Amino acid sequence: MPIWVRLPNLPLPFWHHKVLEDIGSTLGKFKKIDLEKPQKGLFTFSRICMEIDLRKFLPYHIILKHKKIPWFQVLDYKKMTF
């Protein structure tokens, strides 16, 4: 099932299509990216759409690394309607 996952407060080093695609691929089959339009020149989150098997566990966070520095990234799943 396609589902949107919001990545709130994602640090700037991770705002690259390839990185977002890699994040999505760890959760399911990557589909597309939707970057929030900036307000006053600042981005606050990005969204990635993936096909996810809802019978499997959906993690609440993932650990990303940039230059060996870990980042605890919260995953905010868009409400699902059936």
N, C-alpha and C. Protein backbone atom coordinates (compact mmCIF):
# COMPACT_ATOMS: atom_id res chain seq x y z
N MET A 1 0.85 -1.18 0.00
CA MET A 1 0.00 0.00 0.00
C MET A 1 0.89 1.24 0.00
N PRO A 2 0.65 2.22 -0.88
CA PRO A 2 1.43 3.45 -0.86
C PRO A 2 1.10 4.27 0.39
N ILE A 3 2.13 4.80 1.02
CA ILE A 3 1.95 5.59 2.23
C ILE A 3 2.99 6.71 2.27
N TRP A 4 2.59 7.88 2.76
CA TRP A 4 3.51 9.00 2.92
C TRP A 4 4.11 8.97 4.32
N VAL A 5 5.41 9.23 4.39
CA VAL A 5 6.10 9.33 5.67
C VAL A 5 6.76 10.70 5.72
N ARG A 6 6.43 11.46 6.75
CA ARG A 6 6.98 12.80 6.94
C ARG A 6 8.25 12.68 7.78
N LEU A 7 9.27 13.44 7.41
CA LEU A 7 10.54 13.46 8.13
C LEU A 7 10.73 14.85 8.75
N PRO A 8 10.16 15.08 9.94
CA PRO A 8 10.23 16.41 10.54
C PRO A 8 11.65 16.75 11.00
N ASN A 9 12.02 18.02 10.84
CA ASN A 9 13.32 18.54 11.29
C ASN A 9 14.50 17.79 10.69
N LEU A 10 14.37 17.33 9.48
CA LEU A 10 15.45 16.63 8.81
C LEU A 10 16.60 17.60 8.56
N PRO A 11 17.82 17.28 9.02
CA PRO A 11 18.95 18.19 8.83
C PRO A 11 19.29 18.39 7.34
N LEU A 12 19.80 19.55 7.02
CA LEU A 12 20.11 19.93 5.65
C LEU A 12 21.00 18.92 4.91
N PRO A 13 22.02 18.30 5.54
CA PRO A 13 22.85 17.35 4.79
C PRO A 13 22.08 16.15 4.21
N PHE A 14 20.88 15.89 4.71
CA PHE A 14 20.09 14.76 4.22
C PHE A 14 19.07 15.17 3.16
N TRP A 15 19.01 16.45 2.79
CA TRP A 15 18.04 16.94 1.83
C TRP A 15 18.55 16.77 0.39
N HIS A 16 18.80 15.54 0.01
CA HIS A 16 19.22 15.21 -1.35
C HIS A 16 18.36 14.05 -1.82
N HIS A 17 17.99 14.09 -3.09
CA HIS A 17 17.09 13.07 -3.64
C HIS A 17 17.61 11.67 -3.35
N LYS A 18 18.89 11.42 -3.58
CA LYS A 18 19.46 10.08 -3.38
C LYS A 18 19.37 9.65 -1.92
N VAL A 19 19.64 10.56 -0.98
CA VAL A 19 19.56 10.23 0.45
C VAL A 19 18.12 9.92 0.84
N LEU A 20 17.18 10.74 0.38
CA LEU A 20 15.77 10.51 0.70
C LEU A 20 15.27 9.20 0.07
N GLU A 21 15.75 8.89 -1.12
CA GLU A 21 15.40 7.63 -1.76
C GLU A 21 15.95 6.45 -0.95
N ASP A 22 17.17 6.58 -0.47
CA ASP A 22 17.77 5.52 0.36
C ASP A 22 17.00 5.33 1.66
N ILE A 23 16.57 6.43 2.29
CA ILE A 23 15.77 6.35 3.52
C ILE A 23 14.48 5.60 3.22
N GLY A 24 13.80 5.98 2.14
CA GLY A 24 12.55 5.32 1.77
C GLY A 24 12.74 3.84 1.46
N SER A 25 13.85 3.50 0.83
CA SER A 25 14.10 2.10 0.48
C SER A 25 14.32 1.22 1.70
N THR A 26 14.73 1.81 2.82
CA THR A 26 14.88 1.01 4.03
C THR A 26 13.53 0.64 4.63
N LEU A 27 12.49 1.40 4.28
CA LEU A 27 11.15 1.17 4.84
C LEU A 27 10.26 0.35 3.92
N GLY A 28 10.50 0.41 2.64
CA GLY A 28 9.67 -0.28 1.67
C GLY A 28 10.14 0.06 0.27
N LYS A 29 9.26 -0.05 -0.70
CA LYS A 29 9.60 0.27 -2.08
C LYS A 29 9.40 1.77 -2.31
N PHE A 30 10.49 2.46 -2.60
CA PHE A 30 10.46 3.91 -2.80
C PHE A 30 9.59 4.28 -4.00
N LYS A 31 8.75 5.32 -3.85
CA LYS A 31 7.89 5.79 -4.93
C LYS A 31 8.25 7.21 -5.38
N LYS A 32 8.15 8.20 -4.45
CA LYS A 32 8.46 9.58 -4.82
C LYS A 32 8.70 10.44 -3.59
N ILE A 33 9.16 11.67 -3.84
CA ILE A 33 9.49 12.64 -2.78
C ILE A 33 8.60 13.87 -2.95
N ASP A 34 8.20 14.44 -1.83
CA ASP A 34 7.47 15.69 -1.83
C ASP A 34 8.16 16.60 -0.81
N LEU A 35 8.84 17.64 -1.29
CA LEU A 35 9.51 18.57 -0.39
C LEU A 35 8.55 19.70 -0.06
N GLU A 36 8.46 20.03 1.20
CA GLU A 36 7.61 21.13 1.64
C GLU A 36 8.11 22.42 1.01
N LYS A 37 7.19 23.28 0.61
CA LYS A 37 7.59 24.59 0.09
C LYS A 37 8.12 25.43 1.24
N PRO A 38 9.23 26.11 1.02
CA PRO A 38 9.83 26.87 2.13
C PRO A 38 8.98 28.05 2.54
N GLN A 39 8.96 28.31 3.84
CA GLN A 39 8.32 29.50 4.38
C GLN A 39 9.44 30.36 4.93
N LYS A 40 9.57 31.56 4.41
CA LYS A 40 10.64 32.47 4.80
C LYS A 40 12.01 31.83 4.54
N GLY A 41 12.10 31.03 3.46
CA GLY A 41 13.37 30.44 3.07
C GLY A 41 13.80 29.23 3.88
N LEU A 42 12.94 28.72 4.78
CA LEU A 42 13.31 27.58 5.62
C LEU A 42 12.43 26.37 5.29
N PHE A 43 13.05 25.22 5.20
CA PHE A 43 12.31 23.97 5.06
C PHE A 43 12.19 23.36 6.45
N THR A 44 11.05 22.76 6.76
CA THR A 44 10.89 22.14 8.07
C THR A 44 10.73 20.62 7.99
N PHE A 45 10.32 20.11 6.84
CA PHE A 45 10.22 18.66 6.69
C PHE A 45 10.18 18.28 5.22
N SER A 46 10.43 17.02 4.95
CA SER A 46 10.21 16.46 3.62
C SER A 46 9.31 15.24 3.80
N ARG A 47 8.72 14.80 2.72
CA ARG A 47 7.89 13.60 2.77
C ARG A 47 8.37 12.66 1.68
N ILE A 48 8.32 11.36 1.99
CA ILE A 48 8.63 10.36 0.99
C ILE A 48 7.45 9.39 0.92
N CYS A 49 7.18 8.95 -0.27
CA CYS A 49 6.09 7.99 -0.48
C CYS A 49 6.71 6.64 -0.82
N MET A 50 6.24 5.62 -0.12
CA MET A 50 6.73 4.27 -0.37
C MET A 50 5.55 3.30 -0.40
N GLU A 51 5.80 2.17 -1.01
CA GLU A 51 4.87 1.05 -0.88
C GLU A 51 5.34 0.24 0.30
N ILE A 52 4.49 0.11 1.30
CA ILE A 52 4.86 -0.58 2.53
C ILE A 52 3.90 -1.73 2.78
N ASP A 53 4.45 -2.84 3.21
CA ASP A 53 3.63 -3.99 3.62
C ASP A 53 3.14 -3.70 5.04
N LEU A 54 1.87 -3.39 5.18
CA LEU A 54 1.31 -2.99 6.48
C LEU A 54 1.22 -4.15 7.47
N ARG A 55 1.52 -5.36 7.02
CA ARG A 55 1.55 -6.48 7.95
C ARG A 55 2.86 -6.51 8.74
N LYS A 56 3.84 -5.73 8.27
CA LYS A 56 5.14 -5.68 8.93
C LYS A 56 5.18 -4.50 9.91
N PHE A 57 6.12 -4.56 10.82
CA PHE A 57 6.33 -3.50 11.80
C PHE A 57 6.75 -2.20 11.12
N LEU A 58 6.14 -1.08 11.50
CA LEU A 58 6.53 0.23 11.00
C LEU A 58 7.35 0.93 12.07
N PRO A 59 8.64 1.20 11.82
CA PRO A 59 9.46 1.83 12.85
C PRO A 59 9.03 3.28 13.11
N TYR A 60 9.24 3.73 14.33
CA TYR A 60 8.90 5.11 14.70
C TYR A 60 10.05 6.06 14.45
N HIS A 61 11.25 5.50 14.27
CA HIS A 61 12.42 6.33 14.01
C HIS A 61 13.49 5.49 13.30
N ILE A 62 14.46 6.19 12.73
CA ILE A 62 15.63 5.54 12.16
C ILE A 62 16.85 6.36 12.58
N ILE A 63 18.02 5.75 12.49
CA ILE A 63 19.26 6.44 12.81
C ILE A 63 19.98 6.71 11.49
N LEU A 64 20.26 7.98 11.22
CA LEU A 64 21.01 8.39 10.04
C LEU A 64 22.39 8.85 10.49
N LYS A 65 23.36 8.81 9.59
CA LYS A 65 24.70 9.28 9.94
C LYS A 65 25.21 10.22 8.87
N HIS A 66 25.85 11.29 9.32
CA HIS A 66 26.51 12.24 8.44
C HIS A 66 27.88 12.52 9.03
N LYS A 67 28.92 12.20 8.27
CA LYS A 67 30.30 12.36 8.75
C LYS A 67 30.49 11.70 10.11
N LYS A 68 29.98 10.48 10.22
CA LYS A 68 30.09 9.65 11.42
C LYS A 68 29.31 10.18 12.62
N ILE A 69 28.51 11.22 12.42
CA ILE A 69 27.69 11.77 13.51
C ILE A 69 26.28 11.21 13.36
N PRO A 70 25.78 10.47 14.37
CA PRO A 70 24.43 9.89 14.26
C PRO A 70 23.33 10.94 14.43
N TRP A 71 22.23 10.74 13.71
CA TRP A 71 21.05 11.60 13.82
C TRP A 71 19.83 10.70 14.02
N PHE A 72 19.09 10.94 15.09
CA PHE A 72 17.88 10.19 15.43
C PHE A 72 16.72 10.86 14.68
N GLN A 73 16.22 10.22 13.63
CA GLN A 73 15.17 10.80 12.80
C GLN A 73 13.82 10.17 13.09
N VAL A 74 12.87 10.98 13.51
CA VAL A 74 11.50 10.54 13.76
C VAL A 74 10.79 10.35 12.42
N LEU A 75 9.94 9.32 12.34
CA LEU A 75 9.14 9.04 11.16
C LEU A 75 7.67 9.30 11.51
N ASP A 76 7.03 10.15 10.76
CA ASP A 76 5.64 10.52 11.01
C ASP A 76 4.80 10.00 9.85
N TYR A 77 4.08 8.91 10.07
CA TYR A 77 3.28 8.29 9.02
C TYR A 77 1.97 9.06 8.82
N LYS A 78 1.68 9.36 7.58
CA LYS A 78 0.43 10.06 7.24
C LYS A 78 -0.73 9.14 7.59
N LYS A 79 -1.81 9.74 8.07
CA LYS A 79 -3.00 8.94 8.41
C LYS A 79 -3.40 8.08 7.23
N MET A 80 -3.71 6.85 7.54
CA MET A 80 -4.13 5.92 6.50
C MET A 80 -5.64 5.72 6.60
N THR A 81 -6.30 5.79 5.45
CA THR A 81 -7.74 5.51 5.43
C THR A 81 -7.97 4.31 4.54
N PHE A 82 -8.84 3.43 4.98
CA PHE A 82 -9.12 2.22 4.21
C PHE A 82 -10.56 2.23 3.76
